[in-house]
Amino acid sequence: MTGIDRILELEAELEAERDKRDHLETWLSFNYPDAWDEWQLHTGEKSKQ
């Protein structure tokens, strides 16, 4: 395996992980909106209003 092949493999793995995270975030935001708001505050993705 060349270095380029490994980079492409890692990029594909990273994209798959991002897709999983996006799916989980969407699921959480629809099913548990209060928990989603709390998580966003905890991670700093949402500022307190």
C-alpha atoms as a PDB file:
ATOM      1  CA  MET A   1       0.000   0.000   0.000  1.00  0.00           C
ATOM      2  CA  THR A   2       1.365   3.377  -0.940  1.00  0.00           C
ATOM      3  CA  GLY A   3       1.133   6.490   1.146  1.00  0.00           C
ATOM      4  CA  ILE A   4      -1.512   7.914  -1.193  1.00  0.00           C
ATOM      5  CA  ASP A   5      -3.616   4.753  -0.863  1.00  0.00           C
ATOM      6  CA  ARG A   6      -3.435   5.031   2.929  1.00  0.00           C
ATOM      7  CA  ILE A   7      -4.445   8.694   2.843  1.00  0.00           C
ATOM      8  CA  LEU A   8      -7.434   7.880   0.647  1.00  0.00           C
ATOM      9  CA  GLU A   9      -8.403   5.034   2.973  1.00  0.00           C
ATOM     10  CA  LEU A  10      -8.206   7.315   6.025  1.00  0.00           C
ATOM     11  CA  GLU A  11     -10.214  10.025   4.270  1.00  0.00           C
ATOM     12  CA  ALA A  12     -12.934   7.462   3.497  1.00  0.00           C
ATOM     13  CA  GLU A  13     -12.961   6.327   7.140  1.00  0.00           C
ATOM     14  CA  LEU A  14     -13.178   9.935   8.323  1.00  0.00           C
ATOM     15  CA  GLU A  15     -16.083  10.649   5.974  1.00  0.00           C
ATOM     16  CA  ALA A  16     -17.894   7.546   7.254  1.00  0.00           C
ATOM     17  CA  GLU A  17     -17.402   8.722  10.854  1.00  0.00           C
ATOM     18  CA  ARG A  18     -18.715  12.182   9.952  1.00  0.00           C
ATOM     19  CA  ASP A  19     -21.773  10.599   8.351  1.00  0.00           C
ATOM     20  CA  LYS A  20     -22.401   8.563  11.517  1.00  0.00           C
ATOM     21  CA  ARG A  21     -22.039  11.655  13.687  1.00  0.00           C
ATOM     22  CA  ASP A  22     -24.383  13.655  11.454  1.00  0.00           C
ATOM     23  CA  HIS A  23     -26.954  10.881  11.637  1.00  0.00           C
ATOM     24  CA  LEU A  24     -26.710  10.661  15.425  1.00  0.00           C
ATOM     25  CA  GLU A  25     -26.908  14.439  15.818  1.00  0.00           C
ATOM     26  CA  THR A  26     -30.014  14.563  13.619  1.00  0.00           C
ATOM     27  CA  TRP A  27     -31.624  11.691  15.519  1.00  0.00           C
ATOM     28  CA  LEU A  28     -30.822  13.256  18.889  1.00  0.00           C
ATOM     29  CA  SER A  29     -32.056  16.702  17.879  1.00  0.00           C
ATOM     30  CA  PHE A  30     -35.432  15.322  16.741  1.00  0.00           C
ATOM     31  CA  ASN A  31     -35.978  12.767  19.499  1.00  0.00           C
ATOM     32  CA  TYR A  32     -34.407  14.542  22.474  1.00  0.00           C
ATOM     33  CA  PRO A  33     -34.286  18.280  21.710  1.00  0.00           C
ATOM     34  CA  ASP A  34     -33.554  19.245  25.335  1.00  0.00           C
ATOM     35  CA  ALA A  35     -30.597  16.869  25.485  1.00  0.00           C
ATOM     36  CA  TRP A  36     -29.407  18.178  22.116  1.00  0.00           C
ATOM     37  CA  ASP A  37     -29.508  21.770  23.379  1.00  0.00           C
ATOM     38  CA  GLU A  38     -27.604  20.737  26.515  1.00  0.00           C
ATOM     39  CA  TRP A  39     -24.976  18.933  24.413  1.00  0.00           C
ATOM     40  CA  GLN A  40     -24.496  21.968  22.185  1.00  0.00           C
ATOM     41  CA  LEU A  41     -24.028  24.171  25.239  1.00  0.00           C
ATOM     42  CA  HIS A  42     -21.587  21.646  26.720  1.00  0.00           C
ATOM     43  CA  THR A  43     -19.469  21.469  23.547  1.00  0.00           C
ATOM     44  CA  GLY A  44     -19.595  25.217  22.933  1.00  0.00           C
ATOM     45  CA  GLU A  45     -21.413  24.779  19.622  1.00  0.00           C
ATOM     46  CA  LYS A  46     -24.274  26.895  20.921  1.00  0.00           C
ATOM     47  CA  SER A  47     -23.888  29.970  23.060  1.00  0.00           C
ATOM     48  CA  LYS A  48     -26.126  30.596  26.041  1.00  0.00           C
ATOM     49  CA  GLN A  49     -28.805  33.105  25.271  1.00  0.00           C
END
